[in-house]
C-alpha atoms as a PDB file:
ATOM      1  CA  ASP A   1      11.374 -34.197 -20.260  1.00  0.00           C
ATOM      2  CA  CYS A   2      10.032 -37.658 -19.565  1.00  0.00           C
ATOM      3  CA  GLY A   3       6.990 -36.332 -17.746  1.00  0.00           C
ATOM      4  CA  GLY A   4       5.253 -35.637 -21.065  1.00  0.00           C
ATOM      5  CA  SER A   5       5.185 -32.047 -22.243  1.00  0.00           C
ATOM      6  CA  THR A   6       1.694 -30.903 -21.362  1.00  0.00           C
ATOM      7  CA  ASP A   7       3.224 -27.740 -19.960  1.00  0.00           C
ATOM      8  CA  LYS A   8       4.228 -25.809 -23.074  1.00  0.00           C
ATOM      9  CA  ALA A   9       5.959 -23.000 -21.203  1.00  0.00           C
ATOM     10  CA  ALA A  10       8.190 -25.347 -19.253  1.00  0.00           C
ATOM     11  CA  SER A  11       9.033 -27.620 -22.186  1.00  0.00           C
ATOM     12  CA  SER A  12       9.769 -24.900 -24.735  1.00  0.00           C
ATOM     13  CA  LYS A  13      12.641 -23.377 -22.777  1.00  0.00           C
ATOM     14  CA  PRO A  14      15.783 -25.368 -21.978  1.00  0.00           C
ATOM     15  CA  GLN A  15      15.628 -26.790 -18.473  1.00  0.00           C
ATOM     16  CA  THR A  16      18.954 -25.431 -17.300  1.00  0.00           C
ATOM     17  CA  GLN A  17      18.108 -25.628 -13.640  1.00  0.00           C
ATOM     18  CA  LYS A  18      15.321 -27.378 -11.817  1.00  0.00           C
ATOM     19  CA  GLU A  19      12.371 -25.196 -10.884  1.00  0.00           C
ATOM     20  CA  SER A  20      11.894 -24.567  -7.184  1.00  0.00           C
ATOM     21  CA  PRO A  21       9.089 -26.422  -5.347  1.00  0.00           C
ATOM     22  CA  LEU A  22       7.052 -23.213  -5.083  1.00  0.00           C
ATOM     23  CA  MET A  23       7.313 -22.485  -8.803  1.00  0.00           C
ATOM     24  CA  GLN A  24       6.281 -26.051  -9.639  1.00  0.00           C
ATOM     25  CA  LYS A  25       3.278 -25.865  -7.302  1.00  0.00           C
ATOM     26  CA  ILE A  26       2.059 -22.528  -8.701  1.00  0.00           C
ATOM     27  CA  LYS A  27       2.324 -23.688 -12.310  1.00  0.00           C
ATOM     28  CA  LYS A  28       0.691 -27.023 -11.537  1.00  0.00           C
ATOM     29  CA  GLU A  29      -2.258 -25.392  -9.754  1.00  0.00           C
ATOM     30  CA  GLY A  30      -2.472 -22.430 -12.123  1.00  0.00           C
ATOM     31  CA  LYS A  31      -2.842 -20.017  -9.238  1.00  0.00           C
ATOM     32  CA  LEU A  32      -0.820 -17.938  -6.803  1.00  0.00           C
ATOM     33  CA  VAL A  33      -2.190 -18.027  -3.248  1.00  0.00           C
ATOM     34  CA  VAL A  34      -1.292 -14.801  -1.438  1.00  0.00           C
ATOM     35  CA  GLY A  35      -1.844 -14.313   2.263  1.00  0.00           C
ATOM     36  CA  THR A  36      -2.587 -10.850   3.636  1.00  0.00           C
ATOM     37  CA  ALA A  37      -4.097  -9.178   6.709  1.00  0.00           C
ATOM     38  CA  SER A  38      -6.730  -6.637   5.669  1.00  0.00           C
ATOM     39  CA  GLY A  39      -7.414  -3.715   7.969  1.00  0.00           C
ATOM     40  CA  TYR A  40      -4.241  -1.811   7.138  1.00  0.00           C
ATOM     41  CA  PRO A  41      -5.294   0.723   4.504  1.00  0.00           C
ATOM     42  CA  PRO A  42      -3.976   1.750   2.008  1.00  0.00           C
ATOM     43  CA  TYR A  43      -1.798  -1.406   1.911  1.00  0.00           C
ATOM     44  CA  GLU A  44      -4.732  -3.828   2.262  1.00  0.00           C
ATOM     45  CA  PHE A  45      -8.351  -3.313   3.186  1.00  0.00           C
ATOM     46  CA  VAL A  46     -11.777  -4.685   2.368  1.00  0.00           C
ATOM     47  CA  ASP A  47     -13.526  -2.877  -0.473  1.00  0.00           C
ATOM     48  CA  THR A  48     -16.980  -1.955   0.838  1.00  0.00           C
ATOM     49  CA  SER A  49     -18.219  -0.728  -2.550  1.00  0.00           C
ATOM     50  CA  VAL A  50     -18.746  -4.283  -3.838  1.00  0.00           C
ATOM     51  CA  GLY A  51     -21.105  -6.943  -2.566  1.00  0.00           C
ATOM     52  CA  GLU A  52     -18.606  -9.734  -2.051  1.00  0.00           C
ATOM     53  CA  LYS A  53     -15.760  -9.349   0.432  1.00  0.00           C
ATOM     54  CA  LYS A  54     -12.825  -8.308  -1.734  1.00  0.00           C
ATOM     55  CA  VAL A  55      -9.463  -7.284  -0.340  1.00  0.00           C
ATOM     56  CA  ILE A  56      -7.831  -4.423  -2.268  1.00  0.00           C
ATOM     57  CA  GLY A  57      -4.875  -2.099  -1.694  1.00  0.00           C
ATOM     58  CA  ILE A  58      -1.314  -1.350  -2.757  1.00  0.00           C
ATOM     59  CA  ASP A  59      -0.200  -4.869  -1.805  1.00  0.00           C
ATOM     60  CA  MET A  60      -2.993  -6.505  -3.791  1.00  0.00           C
ATOM     61  CA  GLU A  61      -2.051  -4.505  -6.905  1.00  0.00           C
ATOM     62  CA  LEU A  62       1.476  -5.876  -6.535  1.00  0.00           C
ATOM     63  CA  ALA A  63       0.163  -9.421  -5.944  1.00  0.00           C
ATOM     64  CA  GLN A  64      -1.879  -9.198  -9.153  1.00  0.00           C
ATOM     65  CA  LYS A  65       1.192  -8.095 -11.143  1.00  0.00           C
ATOM     66  CA  VAL A  66       3.168 -11.074  -9.818  1.00  0.00           C
ATOM     67  CA  ALA A  67       0.334 -13.459 -10.785  1.00  0.00           C
ATOM     68  CA  ASP A  68       0.129 -11.815 -14.246  1.00  0.00           C
ATOM     69  CA  LYS A  69       3.875 -12.235 -14.734  1.00  0.00           C
ATOM     70  CA  LEU A  70       3.548 -15.937 -13.915  1.00  0.00           C
ATOM     71  CA  GLY A  71       0.443 -16.254 -16.096  1.00  0.00           C
ATOM     72  CA  VAL A  72      -1.699 -17.639 -13.265  1.00  0.00           C
ATOM     73  CA  LYS A  73      -4.831 -16.641 -11.339  1.00  0.00           C
ATOM     74  CA  LEU A  74      -4.545 -14.754  -8.051  1.00  0.00           C
ATOM     75  CA  GLU A  75      -6.224 -16.108  -4.931  1.00  0.00           C
ATOM     76  CA  VAL A  76      -6.174 -13.959  -1.784  1.00  0.00           C
ATOM     77  CA  GLN A  77      -6.440 -15.443   1.707  1.00  0.00           C
ATOM     78  CA  ASP A  78      -7.280 -12.886   4.389  1.00  0.00           C
ATOM     79  CA  MET A  79      -6.009 -13.766   7.873  1.00  0.00           C
ATOM     80  CA  THR A  80      -4.487 -12.216  10.978  1.00  0.00           C
ATOM     81  CA  PHE A  81      -1.062 -10.633  10.599  1.00  0.00           C
ATOM     82  CA  GLN A  82       0.325 -12.948  13.306  1.00  0.00           C
ATOM     83  CA  SER A  83      -0.596 -16.099  11.372  1.00  0.00           C
ATOM     84  CA  LEU A  84       0.888 -15.056   8.005  1.00  0.00           C
ATOM     85  CA  LEU A  85       4.422 -16.382   8.328  1.00  0.00           C
ATOM     86  CA  ALA A  86       3.318 -19.656   9.907  1.00  0.00           C
ATOM     87  CA  SER A  87       0.867 -20.117   7.015  1.00  0.00           C
ATOM     88  CA  ILE A  88       3.803 -19.878   4.602  1.00  0.00           C
ATOM     89  CA  THR A  89       5.806 -22.540   6.405  1.00  0.00           C
ATOM     90  CA  THR A  90       2.805 -24.902   6.559  1.00  0.00           C
ATOM     91  CA  GLY A  91       2.029 -24.305   2.870  1.00  0.00           C
ATOM     92  CA  LYS A  92      -1.449 -22.887   3.518  1.00  0.00           C
ATOM     93  CA  ILE A  93      -0.435 -19.895   1.376  1.00  0.00           C
ATOM     94  CA  ASP A  94       2.304 -19.561  -1.240  1.00  0.00           C
ATOM     95  CA  ILE A  95       3.556 -16.106  -0.239  1.00  0.00           C
ATOM     96  CA  ALA A  96       2.527 -13.195   1.995  1.00  0.00           C
ATOM     97  CA  ILE A  97       2.178  -9.546   0.960  1.00  0.00           C
ATOM     98  CA  SER A  98       1.029  -7.470   3.901  1.00  0.00           C
ATOM     99  CA  ALA A  99       3.302  -4.447   4.510  1.00  0.00           C
ATOM    100  CA  ILE A 100       5.790  -6.867   6.084  1.00  0.00           C
ATOM    101  CA  THR A 101       9.148  -5.473   7.222  1.00  0.00           C
ATOM    102  CA  PRO A 102      11.976  -8.015   7.063  1.00  0.00           C
ATOM    103  CA  THR A 103      13.603  -8.611  10.457  1.00  0.00           C
ATOM    104  CA  ALA A 104      16.368 -11.013  11.508  1.00  0.00           C
ATOM    105  CA  GLU A 105      13.754 -12.944  13.478  1.00  0.00           C
ATOM    106  CA  ARG A 106      11.410 -13.304  10.485  1.00  0.00           C
ATOM    107  CA  GLU A 107      14.295 -14.209   8.186  1.00  0.00           C
ATOM    108  CA  LYS A 108      14.804 -17.389  10.190  1.00  0.00           C
ATOM    109  CA  THR A 109      11.568 -18.827   8.800  1.00  0.00           C
ATOM    110  CA  VAL A 110      11.022 -17.141   5.411  1.00  0.00           C
ATOM    111  CA  ASP A 111      12.931 -15.405   2.625  1.00  0.00           C
ATOM    112  CA  PHE A 112      12.177 -11.857   1.485  1.00  0.00           C
ATOM    113  CA  SER A 113      12.065 -10.039  -1.838  1.00  0.00           C
ATOM    114  CA  ASP A 114      13.597  -6.614  -2.387  1.00  0.00           C
ATOM    115  CA  SER A 115      11.734  -3.798  -0.676  1.00  0.00           C
ATOM    116  CA  TYR A 116       8.874  -2.373  -2.764  1.00  0.00           C
ATOM    117  CA  LEU A 117       7.821   0.522  -0.533  1.00  0.00           C
ATOM    118  CA  VAL A 118       9.631   2.316   2.256  1.00  0.00           C
ATOM    119  CA  GLY A 119       7.233   4.032   4.605  1.00  0.00           C
ATOM    120  CA  LYS A 120       8.944   6.811   6.489  1.00  0.00           C
ATOM    121  CA  HIS A 121       7.671   7.850   9.893  1.00  0.00           C
ATOM    122  CA  THR A 122       6.612  11.447  10.332  1.00  0.00           C
ATOM    123  CA  LEU A 123       4.475  13.632  12.620  1.00  0.00           C
ATOM    124  CA  LEU A 124       1.135  15.288  11.937  1.00  0.00           C
ATOM    125  CA  VAL A 125       0.215  18.612  13.581  1.00  0.00           C
ATOM    126  CA  ARG A 126      -2.764  20.993  13.556  1.00  0.00           C
ATOM    127  CA  LYS A 127      -3.133  23.144  10.472  1.00  0.00           C
ATOM    128  CA  GLU A 128      -2.424  26.334  12.441  1.00  0.00           C
ATOM    129  CA  ASP A 129       0.938  24.830  13.467  1.00  0.00           C
ATOM    130  CA  ALA A 130       1.957  23.982   9.903  1.00  0.00           C
ATOM    131  CA  GLY A 131       5.545  25.104   9.333  1.00  0.00           C
ATOM    132  CA  LYS A 132       6.191  25.612  13.037  1.00  0.00           C
ATOM    133  CA  TYR A 133       8.278  22.443  13.491  1.00  0.00           C
ATOM    134  CA  LYS A 134      11.421  22.121  11.376  1.00  0.00           C
ATOM    135  CA  THR A 135      13.330  19.339  13.133  1.00  0.00           C
ATOM    136  CA  LEU A 136      12.675  16.505  15.592  1.00  0.00           C
ATOM    137  CA  ALA A 137      14.299  18.623  18.300  1.00  0.00           C
ATOM    138  CA  ASP A 138      11.494  21.178  17.914  1.00  0.00           C
ATOM    139  CA  PHE A 139       9.168  18.543  19.426  1.00  0.00           C
ATOM    140  CA  ASN A 140      11.280  18.183  22.608  1.00  0.00           C
ATOM    141  CA  GLY A 141       9.099  18.405  25.723  1.00  0.00           C
ATOM    142  CA  LYS A 142       5.892  18.485  23.648  1.00  0.00           C
ATOM    143  CA  LYS A 143       2.805  16.366  24.195  1.00  0.00           C
ATOM    144  CA  ILE A 144       2.720  13.554  21.644  1.00  0.00           C
ATOM    145  CA  ALA A 145      -0.225  11.131  21.286  1.00  0.00           C
ATOM    146  CA  VAL A 146       0.770   7.697  19.992  1.00  0.00           C
ATOM    147  CA  GLN A 147      -0.805   4.333  19.329  1.00  0.00           C
ATOM    148  CA  LYS A 148       0.018   2.034  22.244  1.00  0.00           C
ATOM    149  CA  SER A 149       2.910  -0.442  21.683  1.00  0.00           C
ATOM    150  CA  SER A 150       3.434   0.795  18.118  1.00  0.00           C
ATOM    151  CA  LEU A 151       6.771   1.483  16.461  1.00  0.00           C
ATOM    152  CA  GLN A 152       5.813   5.184  16.598  1.00  0.00           C
ATOM    153  CA  GLU A 153       5.597   5.048  20.397  1.00  0.00           C
ATOM    154  CA  LYS A 154       9.093   3.524  20.541  1.00  0.00           C
ATOM    155  CA  LEU A 155      10.514   6.131  18.118  1.00  0.00           C
ATOM    156  CA  THR A 156       8.934   8.999  20.063  1.00  0.00           C
ATOM    157  CA  ASN A 157      10.398   7.780  23.356  1.00  0.00           C
ATOM    158  CA  GLU A 158      13.827   7.239  21.824  1.00  0.00           C
ATOM    159  CA  GLN A 159      14.147  10.301  19.598  1.00  0.00           C
ATOM    160  CA  ILE A 160      12.110  13.125  21.140  1.00  0.00           C
ATOM    161  CA  LYS A 161      13.691  14.412  24.331  1.00  0.00           C
ATOM    162  CA  ASP A 162      11.339  14.769  27.339  1.00  0.00           C
ATOM    163  CA  ALA A 163       8.312  14.023  25.145  1.00  0.00           C
ATOM    164  CA  GLN A 164       5.087  13.818  27.155  1.00  0.00           C
ATOM    165  CA  VAL A 165       3.764  10.640  25.587  1.00  0.00           C
ATOM    166  CA  VAL A 166       0.025   9.959  25.664  1.00  0.00           C
ATOM    167  CA  ALA A 167      -0.472   6.311  24.615  1.00  0.00           C
ATOM    168  CA  LEU A 168      -3.910   5.444  23.215  1.00  0.00           C
ATOM    169  CA  THR A 169      -5.397   2.274  21.728  1.00  0.00           C
ATOM    170  CA  LYS A 170      -6.151   3.573  18.252  1.00  0.00           C
ATOM    171  CA  VAL A 171      -4.621   6.130  15.889  1.00  0.00           C
ATOM    172  CA  PRO A 172      -8.009   7.925  15.376  1.00  0.00           C
ATOM    173  CA  ASP A 173      -8.162   8.491  19.158  1.00  0.00           C
ATOM    174  CA  ALA A 174      -4.722  10.103  19.012  1.00  0.00           C
ATOM    175  CA  LEU A 175      -5.799  12.304  16.088  1.00  0.00           C
ATOM    176  CA  LEU A 176      -8.879  13.420  18.040  1.00  0.00           C
ATOM    177  CA  GLU A 177      -6.656  14.529  20.956  1.00  0.00           C
ATOM    178  CA  LEU A 178      -4.601  16.488  18.438  1.00  0.00           C
ATOM    179  CA  GLN A 179      -7.645  18.149  16.855  1.00  0.00           C
ATOM    180  CA  GLN A 180      -8.973  19.098  20.288  1.00  0.00           C
ATOM    181  CA  GLY A 181      -5.651  20.747  21.138  1.00  0.00           C
ATOM    182  CA  LYS A 182      -4.860  18.328  23.980  1.00  0.00           C
ATOM    183  CA  VAL A 183      -1.591  17.221  22.344  1.00  0.00           C
ATOM    184  CA  ASP A 184       0.862  18.865  19.925  1.00  0.00           C
ATOM    185  CA  ALA A 185       1.511  16.081  17.413  1.00  0.00           C
ATOM    186  CA  VAL A 186       0.779  12.506  16.356  1.00  0.00           C
ATOM    187  CA  PRO A 187       3.450  10.317  14.734  1.00  0.00           C
ATOM    188  CA  VAL A 188       2.314   8.136  11.808  1.00  0.00           C
ATOM    189  CA  GLN A 189       3.784   5.953   9.102  1.00  0.00           C
ATOM    190  CA  SER A 190       3.719   8.463   6.233  1.00  0.00           C
ATOM    191  CA  ILE A 191       1.941   6.302   3.620  1.00  0.00           C
ATOM    192  CA  VAL A 192      -0.774   5.397   6.129  1.00  0.00           C
ATOM    193  CA  GLY A 193      -0.861   9.033   7.290  1.00  0.00           C
ATOM    194  CA  GLY A 194      -1.835  10.245   3.814  1.00  0.00           C
ATOM    195  CA  GLN A 195      -5.442   9.186   4.322  1.00  0.00           C
ATOM    196  CA  TYR A 196      -5.694  10.890   7.728  1.00  0.00           C
ATOM    197  CA  LEU A 197      -4.803  14.171   6.041  1.00  0.00           C
ATOM    198  CA  ILE A 198      -7.576  13.742   3.460  1.00  0.00           C
ATOM    199  CA  THR A 199     -10.199  12.946   6.118  1.00  0.00           C
ATOM    200  CA  ASN A 200      -8.974  15.557   8.613  1.00  0.00           C
ATOM    201  CA  PRO A 201      -8.502  18.827   6.716  1.00  0.00           C
ATOM    202  CA  ASP A 202      -7.717  20.623   9.991  1.00  0.00           C
ATOM    203  CA  LEU A 203      -4.467  18.624  10.287  1.00  0.00           C
ATOM    204  CA  ALA A 204      -1.216  19.251   8.438  1.00  0.00           C
ATOM    205  CA  PRO A 205       1.895  17.252   7.563  1.00  0.00           C
ATOM    206  CA  THR A 206       5.338  18.250   8.812  1.00  0.00           C
ATOM    207  CA  ASN A 207       8.449  17.640   6.829  1.00  0.00           C
ATOM    208  CA  VAL A 208       9.999  16.101   9.922  1.00  0.00           C
ATOM    209  CA  PHE A 209      10.912  12.407   9.900  1.00  0.00           C
ATOM    210  CA  PHE A 210      12.171  10.024  12.544  1.00  0.00           C
ATOM    211  CA  LYS A 211      15.598   8.515  11.952  1.00  0.00           C
ATOM    212  CA  ILE A 212      14.969   4.896  11.152  1.00  0.00           C
ATOM    213  CA  ASP A 213      16.826   2.113   9.473  1.00  0.00           C
ATOM    214  CA  SER A 214      13.691   0.846   7.797  1.00  0.00           C
ATOM    215  CA  LYS A 215      14.027  -1.805   5.178  1.00  0.00           C
ATOM    216  CA  GLY A 216      10.520  -1.018   3.992  1.00  0.00           C
ATOM    217  CA  SER A 217       7.951  -3.630   3.008  1.00  0.00           C
ATOM    218  CA  SER A 218       8.905  -6.849   1.244  1.00  0.00           C
ATOM    219  CA  VAL A 219       7.199  -9.979  -0.059  1.00  0.00           C
ATOM    220  CA  ALA A 220       7.625 -13.034   2.217  1.00  0.00           C
ATOM    221  CA  VAL A 221       8.355 -16.304   0.413  1.00  0.00           C
ATOM    222  CA  PRO A 222       9.052 -19.856   1.662  1.00  0.00           C
ATOM    223  CA  LYS A 223      12.762 -20.569   1.987  1.00  0.00           C
ATOM    224  CA  GLY A 224      14.721 -21.915  -0.971  1.00  0.00           C
ATOM    225  CA  ASN A 225      12.762 -20.479  -3.921  1.00  0.00           C
ATOM    226  CA  GLU A 226      15.323 -18.143  -5.497  1.00  0.00           C
ATOM    227  CA  ASP A 227      13.790 -18.400  -8.992  1.00  0.00           C
ATOM    228  CA  PHE A 228      10.469 -17.139  -7.611  1.00  0.00           C
ATOM    229  CA  ILE A 229      12.090 -14.268  -5.696  1.00  0.00           C
ATOM    230  CA  LYS A 230      13.940 -13.262  -8.858  1.00  0.00           C
ATOM    231  CA  ILE A 231      10.584 -12.870 -10.664  1.00  0.00           C
ATOM    232  CA  VAL A 232       9.065 -10.912  -7.763  1.00  0.00           C
ATOM    233  CA  ASN A 233      12.084  -8.577  -7.749  1.00  0.00           C
ATOM    234  CA  GLU A 234      11.679  -8.020 -11.513  1.00  0.00           C
ATOM    235  CA  VAL A 235       7.994  -7.149 -11.002  1.00  0.00           C
ATOM    236  CA  ILE A 236       8.894  -4.729  -8.188  1.00  0.00           C
ATOM    237  CA  LYS A 237      11.552  -3.023 -10.309  1.00  0.00           C
ATOM    238  CA  GLU A 238       9.274  -2.738 -13.383  1.00  0.00           C
ATOM    239  CA  ASN A 239       6.445  -1.206 -11.372  1.00  0.00           C
ATOM    240  CA  ARG A 240       8.716   1.158  -9.486  1.00  0.00           C
ATOM    241  CA  ASP A 241      10.379   2.348 -12.710  1.00  0.00           C
ATOM    242  CA  ASN A 242       7.110   2.904 -14.584  1.00  0.00           C
ATOM    243  CA  GLY A 243       5.571   4.854 -11.683  1.00  0.00           C
ATOM    244  CA  ASN A 244       2.883   2.268 -10.882  1.00  0.00           C
ATOM    245  CA  ILE A 245       3.811   1.907  -7.212  1.00  0.00           C
ATOM    246  CA  ASP A 246       3.504   5.678  -6.580  1.00  0.00           C
ATOM    247  CA  LYS A 247       0.229   5.646  -8.506  1.00  0.00           C
ATOM    248  CA  TRP A 248      -1.134   2.788  -6.366  1.00  0.00           C
ATOM    249  CA  VAL A 249      -0.237   4.695  -3.192  1.00  0.00           C
ATOM    250  CA  ASP A 250      -2.277   7.713  -4.380  1.00  0.00           C
ATOM    251  CA  GLU A 251      -5.201   5.703  -5.757  1.00  0.00           C
ATOM    252  CA  MET A 252      -5.508   3.388  -2.783  1.00  0.00           C
ATOM    253  CA  THR A 253      -5.171   6.227  -0.266  1.00  0.00           C
ATOM    254  CA  LYS A 254      -8.148   7.964  -1.924  1.00  0.00           C
ATOM    255  CA  LYS A 255     -10.072   4.687  -2.170  1.00  0.00           C
ATOM    256  CA  ALA A 256      -9.456   3.930   1.523  1.00  0.00           C
ATOM    257  CA  VAL A 257     -10.874   7.336   2.390  1.00  0.00           C
ATOM    258  CA  GLU A 258     -14.019   6.799   0.254  1.00  0.00           C
ATOM    259  CA  ASN A 259     -14.392   3.402   1.913  1.00  0.00           C
ATOM    260  CA  ALA A 260     -14.159   4.897   5.393  1.00  0.00           C
ATOM    261  CA  LYS A 261     -16.935   7.371   4.609  1.00  0.00           C
ATOM    262  CA  LYS A 262     -19.463   4.611   3.878  1.00  0.00           C
END
């Protein structure tokens, strides 16, 4: 190592292969810069219980574990979801963790880790209808309120025969229609739906799920950093095996609800 061995960690282990550019940058700067798009609780949202604007959530717990594993500080950049992947390619952020589903299109510009959380898509109904619907077919011809241009709208149109779809701008608007008895059900991503059930005790879950080939959420990383992805995958596996990821889902769902009440 002719660069002088100021970096103990790097010099103490045999340099079998060269570290990727991302790994070098993170170690040099002593921090991991993670991009996210708050406003998607419980994955990421702004904690209103503290003075400063702090983004918390399931994804931020994972980000912290990755930073801990690398022995660096975590820095979170909050931006719009649309700008995340471009910010990786321009180097504005190191990686993005924001409930991102890998797609063929996205894989052209970034690499992805293993999936850390698969959100299924289910339907919520009124409490008095709990247990009434056993399969997707039981919703045929029913009135379903969805969020406009969401994946749930697409799934409803494709998988529920003759569904009378009411498309609204926001999920809470759809839930209100359901509570008022104007529609029969509202489809939601099940992890996100957990908080709606806490805040709306008059609604109930169904054990009915849409058929979907969902890869779940993964960490987006600039192309060509296999050594970094390997570490992220180790962190994901450790925290899945020890029950942390399930625990974060529960904790952050409750926290998101407390936040919404303020």
